[in-house]
PDB file of N, CA and C in Angstrom:
ATOM      1  N   UNK A   1     -21.738  -9.058  -9.710  1.00  0.00           N
ATOM      2  CA  UNK A   1     -20.720  -7.807  -9.781  1.00  0.00           C
ATOM      3  C   UNK A   1     -19.533  -7.377  -8.776  1.00  0.00           C
ATOM      4  N   UNK A   2     -18.103  -7.551  -9.058  1.00  0.00           N
ATOM      5  CA  UNK A   2     -17.435  -6.763  -8.549  1.00  0.00           C
ATOM      6  C   UNK A   2     -17.131  -5.551  -8.080  1.00  0.00           C
ATOM      7  N   UNK A   3     -17.246  -5.217  -6.397  1.00  0.00           N
ATOM      8  CA  UNK A   3     -16.979  -3.827  -6.978  1.00  0.00           C
ATOM      9  C   UNK A   3     -15.219  -2.804  -6.565  1.00  0.00           C
ATOM     10  N   UNK A   4     -15.005  -2.337  -6.997  1.00  0.00           N
ATOM     11  CA  UNK A   4     -13.638  -1.980  -7.031  1.00  0.00           C
ATOM     12  C   UNK A   4     -13.216  -1.368  -5.944  1.00  0.00           C
ATOM     13  N   UNK A   5     -13.975  -1.027  -5.004  1.00  0.00           N
ATOM     14  CA  UNK A   5     -13.775  -0.007  -3.625  1.00  0.00           C
ATOM     15  C   UNK A   5     -13.423  -1.032  -2.398  1.00  0.00           C
ATOM     16  N   UNK A   6     -12.535  -0.948  -2.083  1.00  0.00           N
ATOM     17  CA  UNK A   6     -12.028  -1.715  -0.821  1.00  0.00           C
ATOM     18  C   UNK A   6     -12.519  -1.752   1.015  1.00  0.00           C
ATOM     19  N   UNK A   7     -13.078  -2.541   0.838  1.00  0.00           N
ATOM     20  CA  UNK A   7     -13.390  -2.719   2.186  1.00  0.00           C
ATOM     21  C   UNK A   7     -12.039  -2.853   3.327  1.00  0.00           C
ATOM     22  N   UNK A   8     -12.839  -2.518   4.586  1.00  0.00           N
ATOM     23  CA  UNK A   8     -11.541  -1.825   5.447  1.00  0.00           C
ATOM     24  C   UNK A   8     -10.407  -2.930   5.888  1.00  0.00           C
ATOM     25  N   UNK A   9     -11.296  -4.296   6.000  1.00  0.00           N
ATOM     26  CA  UNK A   9     -10.427  -5.503   6.098  1.00  0.00           C
ATOM     27  C   UNK A   9      -9.455  -5.371   4.721  1.00  0.00           C
ATOM     28  N   UNK A  10      -9.946  -5.338   3.486  1.00  0.00           N
ATOM     29  CA  UNK A  10      -9.100  -4.549   2.777  1.00  0.00           C
ATOM     30  C   UNK A  10      -8.268  -4.367   2.230  1.00  0.00           C
ATOM     31  N   UNK A  11      -8.372  -2.843   3.351  1.00  0.00           N
ATOM     32  CA  UNK A  11      -7.507  -1.918   3.057  1.00  0.00           C
ATOM     33  C   UNK A  11      -6.312  -2.023   4.226  1.00  0.00           C
ATOM     34  N   UNK A  12      -6.611  -2.207   5.137  1.00  0.00           N
ATOM     35  CA  UNK A  12      -5.617  -2.913   6.178  1.00  0.00           C
ATOM     36  C   UNK A  12      -4.885  -3.834   5.801  1.00  0.00           C
ATOM     37  N   UNK A  13      -5.316  -4.996   5.359  1.00  0.00           N
ATOM     38  CA  UNK A  13      -4.444  -6.044   4.946  1.00  0.00           C
ATOM     39  C   UNK A  13      -3.317  -5.705   3.674  1.00  0.00           C
ATOM     40  N   UNK A  14      -3.475  -5.172   2.938  1.00  0.00           N
ATOM     41  CA  UNK A  14      -2.503  -4.601   1.827  1.00  0.00           C
ATOM     42  C   UNK A  14      -1.848  -3.318   2.422  1.00  0.00           C
ATOM     43  N   UNK A  15      -2.363  -2.217   2.844  1.00  0.00           N
ATOM     44  CA  UNK A  15      -1.139  -1.575   3.809  1.00  0.00           C
ATOM     45  C   UNK A  15      -0.048  -1.901   4.369  1.00  0.00           C
ATOM     46  N   UNK A  16      -1.065  -2.964   5.510  1.00  0.00           N
ATOM     47  CA  UNK A  16       0.139  -3.744   6.061  1.00  0.00           C
ATOM     48  C   UNK A  16       1.460  -4.308   6.002  1.00  0.00           C
ATOM     49  N   UNK A  17       0.636  -5.618   4.304  1.00  0.00           N
ATOM     50  CA  UNK A  17       1.375  -5.605   3.557  1.00  0.00           C
ATOM     51  C   UNK A  17       2.409  -5.252   3.066  1.00  0.00           C
ATOM     52  N   UNK A  18       2.198  -4.283   2.402  1.00  0.00           N
ATOM     53  CA  UNK A  18       3.421  -3.188   1.395  1.00  0.00           C
ATOM     54  C   UNK A  18       4.289  -1.957   2.188  1.00  0.00           C
ATOM     55  N   UNK A  19       3.606  -1.983   3.736  1.00  0.00           N
ATOM     56  CA  UNK A  19       4.630  -1.280   4.478  1.00  0.00           C
ATOM     57  C   UNK A  19       5.539  -2.188   4.988  1.00  0.00           C
ATOM     58  N   UNK A  20       4.500  -3.589   5.392  1.00  0.00           N
ATOM     59  CA  UNK A  20       5.553  -4.249   5.891  1.00  0.00           C
ATOM     60  C   UNK A  20       7.087  -4.902   4.905  1.00  0.00           C
ATOM     61  N   UNK A  21       6.734  -5.098   3.510  1.00  0.00           N
ATOM     62  CA  UNK A  21       7.648  -4.861   2.733  1.00  0.00           C
ATOM     63  C   UNK A  21       8.859  -4.039   2.180  1.00  0.00           C
ATOM     64  N   UNK A  22       8.407  -2.705   2.639  1.00  0.00           N
ATOM     65  CA  UNK A  22       8.649  -1.997   2.822  1.00  0.00           C
ATOM     66  C   UNK A  22      10.235  -1.103   4.046  1.00  0.00           C
ATOM     67  N   UNK A  23       9.615  -1.842   5.203  1.00  0.00           N
ATOM     68  CA  UNK A  23      10.082  -1.543   6.487  1.00  0.00           C
ATOM     69  C   UNK A  23      11.353  -2.627   6.070  1.00  0.00           C
ATOM     70  N   UNK A  24      10.935  -3.852   4.929  1.00  0.00           N
ATOM     71  CA  UNK A  24      11.998  -4.204   5.477  1.00  0.00           C
ATOM     72  C   UNK A  24      13.389  -4.486   3.920  1.00  0.00           C
ATOM     73  N   UNK A  25      13.414  -3.142   2.979  1.00  0.00           N
ATOM     74  CA  UNK A  25      14.031  -2.691   2.220  1.00  0.00           C
ATOM     75  C   UNK A  25      13.474  -2.619   0.795  1.00  0.00           C
ATOM     76  N   UNK A  26      11.926  -2.864   1.171  1.00  0.00           N
ATOM     77  CA  UNK A  26      11.691  -3.191  -0.405  1.00  0.00           C
ATOM     78  C   UNK A  26      11.816  -2.246  -0.890  1.00  0.00           C
ATOM     79  N   UNK A  27      12.041  -1.588  -2.759  1.00  0.00           N
ATOM     80  CA  UNK A  27      12.608  -0.446  -3.183  1.00  0.00           C
ATOM     81  C   UNK A  27      11.405   0.751  -2.987  1.00  0.00           C
ATOM     82  N   UNK A  28      10.318   1.482  -2.733  1.00  0.00           N
ATOM     83  CA  UNK A  28       9.494   2.785  -2.643  1.00  0.00           C
ATOM     84  C   UNK A  28       9.218   2.612  -4.501  1.00  0.00           C
ATOM     85  N   UNK A  29       7.444   3.086  -4.309  1.00  0.00           N
ATOM     86  CA  UNK A  29       7.626   2.731  -6.058  1.00  0.00           C
ATOM     87  C   UNK A  29       6.815   4.461  -6.025  1.00  0.00           C
ATOM     88  N   UNK A  30       7.486   5.410  -5.426  1.00  0.00           N
ATOM     89  CA  UNK A  30       7.053   6.453  -5.137  1.00  0.00           C
ATOM     90  C   UNK A  30       8.359   6.974  -4.665  1.00  0.00           C
ATOM     91  N   UNK A  31       7.715   8.572  -4.987  1.00  0.00           N
ATOM     92  CA  UNK A  31       9.673   9.371  -4.134  1.00  0.00           C
ATOM     93  C   UNK A  31       9.048   9.375  -2.122  1.00  0.00           C
ATOM     94  N   UNK A  32       9.695   9.115  -1.481  1.00  0.00           N
ATOM     95  CA  UNK A  32      10.047   9.171  -0.240  1.00  0.00           C
ATOM     96  C   UNK A  32       9.848  10.570   0.764  1.00  0.00           C
ATOM     97  N   UNK A  33       9.974  11.358   1.022  1.00  0.00           N
ATOM     98  CA  UNK A  33       9.767  12.547   1.946  1.00  0.00           C
ATOM     99  C   UNK A  33       9.994  12.343   2.841  1.00  0.00           C
ATOM    100  N   UNK A  34      10.974  13.516   3.322  1.00  0.00           N
ATOM    101  CA  UNK A  34      11.735  13.528   4.681  1.00  0.00           C
ATOM    102  C   UNK A  34      11.035  12.918   5.995  1.00  0.00           C
ATOM    103  N   UNK A  35      10.968  12.126   6.899  1.00  0.00           N
ATOM    104  CA  UNK A  35      10.521  11.682   7.935  1.00  0.00           C
ATOM    105  C   UNK A  35       8.867  10.974   8.151  1.00  0.00           C
ATOM    106  N   UNK A  36       8.989  10.679   6.385  1.00  0.00           N
ATOM    107  CA  UNK A  36       7.592   9.219   6.322  1.00  0.00           C
ATOM    108  C   UNK A  36       8.001   8.270   6.470  1.00  0.00           C
ATOM    109  N   UNK A  37       7.185   7.567   7.167  1.00  0.00           N
ATOM    110  CA  UNK A  37       7.166   6.335   7.757  1.00  0.00           C
ATOM    111  C   UNK A  37       6.785   5.087   6.364  1.00  0.00           C
ATOM    112  N   UNK A  38       6.891   4.066   6.701  1.00  0.00           N
ATOM    113  CA  UNK A  38       6.601   3.154   5.842  1.00  0.00           C
ATOM    114  C   UNK A  38       5.213   2.973   5.276  1.00  0.00           C
ATOM    115  N   UNK A  39       3.614   3.169   6.274  1.00  0.00           N
ATOM    116  CA  UNK A  39       2.184   2.865   6.399  1.00  0.00           C
ATOM    117  C   UNK A  39       2.442   3.879   5.448  1.00  0.00           C
ATOM    118  N   UNK A  40       3.012   5.062   5.720  1.00  0.00           N
ATOM    119  CA  UNK A  40       2.351   6.656   4.888  1.00  0.00           C
ATOM    120  C   UNK A  40       2.156   6.118   3.519  1.00  0.00           C
ATOM    121  N   UNK A  41       3.776   5.536   3.045  1.00  0.00           N
ATOM    122  CA  UNK A  41       4.432   5.503   1.565  1.00  0.00           C
ATOM    123  C   UNK A  41       3.224   4.303   1.408  1.00  0.00           C
ATOM    124  N   UNK A  42       2.830   3.417   1.147  1.00  0.00           N
ATOM    125  CA  UNK A  42       1.824   2.701   1.203  1.00  0.00           C
ATOM    126  C   UNK A  42       0.618   2.883   1.042  1.00  0.00           C
ATOM    127  N   UNK A  43       0.099   3.335   1.914  1.00  0.00           N
ATOM    128  CA  UNK A  43      -0.621   4.144   1.271  1.00  0.00           C
ATOM    129  C   UNK A  43      -0.945   5.215   0.591  1.00  0.00           C
ATOM    130  N   UNK A  44       0.672   6.591  -0.039  1.00  0.00           N
ATOM    131  CA  UNK A  44       0.468   7.064  -0.750  1.00  0.00           C
ATOM    132  C   UNK A  44       0.483   6.028  -2.069  1.00  0.00           C
ATOM    133  N   UNK A  45       0.968   4.678  -1.777  1.00  0.00           N
ATOM    134  CA  UNK A  45       1.627   3.956  -3.257  1.00  0.00           C
ATOM    135  C   UNK A  45      -0.170   3.502  -3.570  1.00  0.00           C
ATOM    136  N   UNK A  46      -0.979   3.048  -2.569  1.00  0.00           N
ATOM    137  CA  UNK A  46      -2.361   2.647  -2.887  1.00  0.00           C
ATOM    138  C   UNK A  46      -2.826   3.299  -3.192  1.00  0.00           C
ATOM    139  N   UNK A  47      -3.171   4.710  -2.655  1.00  0.00           N
ATOM    140  CA  UNK A  47      -3.962   6.127  -3.276  1.00  0.00           C
ATOM    141  C   UNK A  47      -3.763   6.627  -4.725  1.00  0.00           C
ATOM    142  N   UNK A  48      -2.284   6.228  -5.491  1.00  0.00           N
ATOM    143  CA  UNK A  48      -2.452   6.841  -6.603  1.00  0.00           C
ATOM    144  C   UNK A  48      -2.590   5.698  -7.578  1.00  0.00           C
ATOM    145  N   UNK A  49      -2.455   4.333  -6.445  1.00  0.00           N
ATOM    146  CA  UNK A  49      -2.494   2.641  -7.831  1.00  0.00           C
ATOM    147  C   UNK A  49      -1.012   2.397  -8.143  1.00  0.00           C
ATOM    148  N   UNK A  50      -0.180   3.070  -7.495  1.00  0.00           N
ATOM    149  CA  UNK A  50       1.112   2.082  -8.248  1.00  0.00           C
ATOM    150  C   UNK A  50       1.660   1.156  -7.393  1.00  0.00           C
ATOM    151  N   UNK A  51       0.669   0.764  -6.631  1.00  0.00           N
ATOM    152  CA  UNK A  51       1.185  -0.461  -5.240  1.00  0.00           C
ATOM    153  C   UNK A  51       0.749  -1.849  -6.051  1.00  0.00           C
ATOM    154  N   UNK A  52       1.598  -2.582  -5.951  1.00  0.00           N
ATOM    155  CA  UNK A  52       1.609  -4.087  -6.668  1.00  0.00           C
ATOM    156  C   UNK A  52       1.014  -5.173  -6.200  1.00  0.00           C
ATOM    157  N   UNK A  53      -0.197  -5.195  -5.525  1.00  0.00           N
ATOM    158  CA  UNK A  53      -1.275  -5.377  -4.837  1.00  0.00           C
ATOM    159  C   UNK A  53      -2.008  -5.840  -5.318  1.00  0.00           C
ATOM    160  N   UNK A  54      -2.809  -6.965  -5.892  1.00  0.00           N
ATOM    161  CA  UNK A  54      -4.122  -7.867  -5.848  1.00  0.00           C
ATOM    162  C   UNK A  54      -5.044  -8.287  -5.112  1.00  0.00           C
ATOM    163  N   UNK A  55      -6.208  -7.881  -4.924  1.00  0.00           N
ATOM    164  CA  UNK A  55      -7.168  -8.470  -3.977  1.00  0.00           C
ATOM    165  C   UNK A  55      -7.994  -9.262  -5.047  1.00  0.00           C
ATOM    166  N   UNK A  56      -8.411 -10.207  -4.805  1.00  0.00           N
ATOM    167  CA  UNK A  56      -8.633 -11.347  -5.121  1.00  0.00           C
ATOM    168  C   UNK A  56      -9.700 -11.689  -4.572  1.00  0.00           C
ATOM    169  N   UNK A  57     -11.351 -11.995  -4.777  1.00  0.00           N
ATOM    170  CA  UNK A  57     -12.560 -11.849  -4.128  1.00  0.00           C
ATOM    171  C   UNK A  57     -13.102 -13.267  -4.420  1.00  0.00           C
TER     172      UNK A  57
END
């Protein structure tokens, strides 16, 4: 049975990968607020479910 809950290592890997993509110029999938960092945008994308990354276990 697969769990849909990410462990802390998976969470760190996904947020790091997506924030790196954003910092290198990838288009954000949500509206970016003024003064918001790439890691904050990546976290909001993950929380809303629009992040384009998948964890294979």
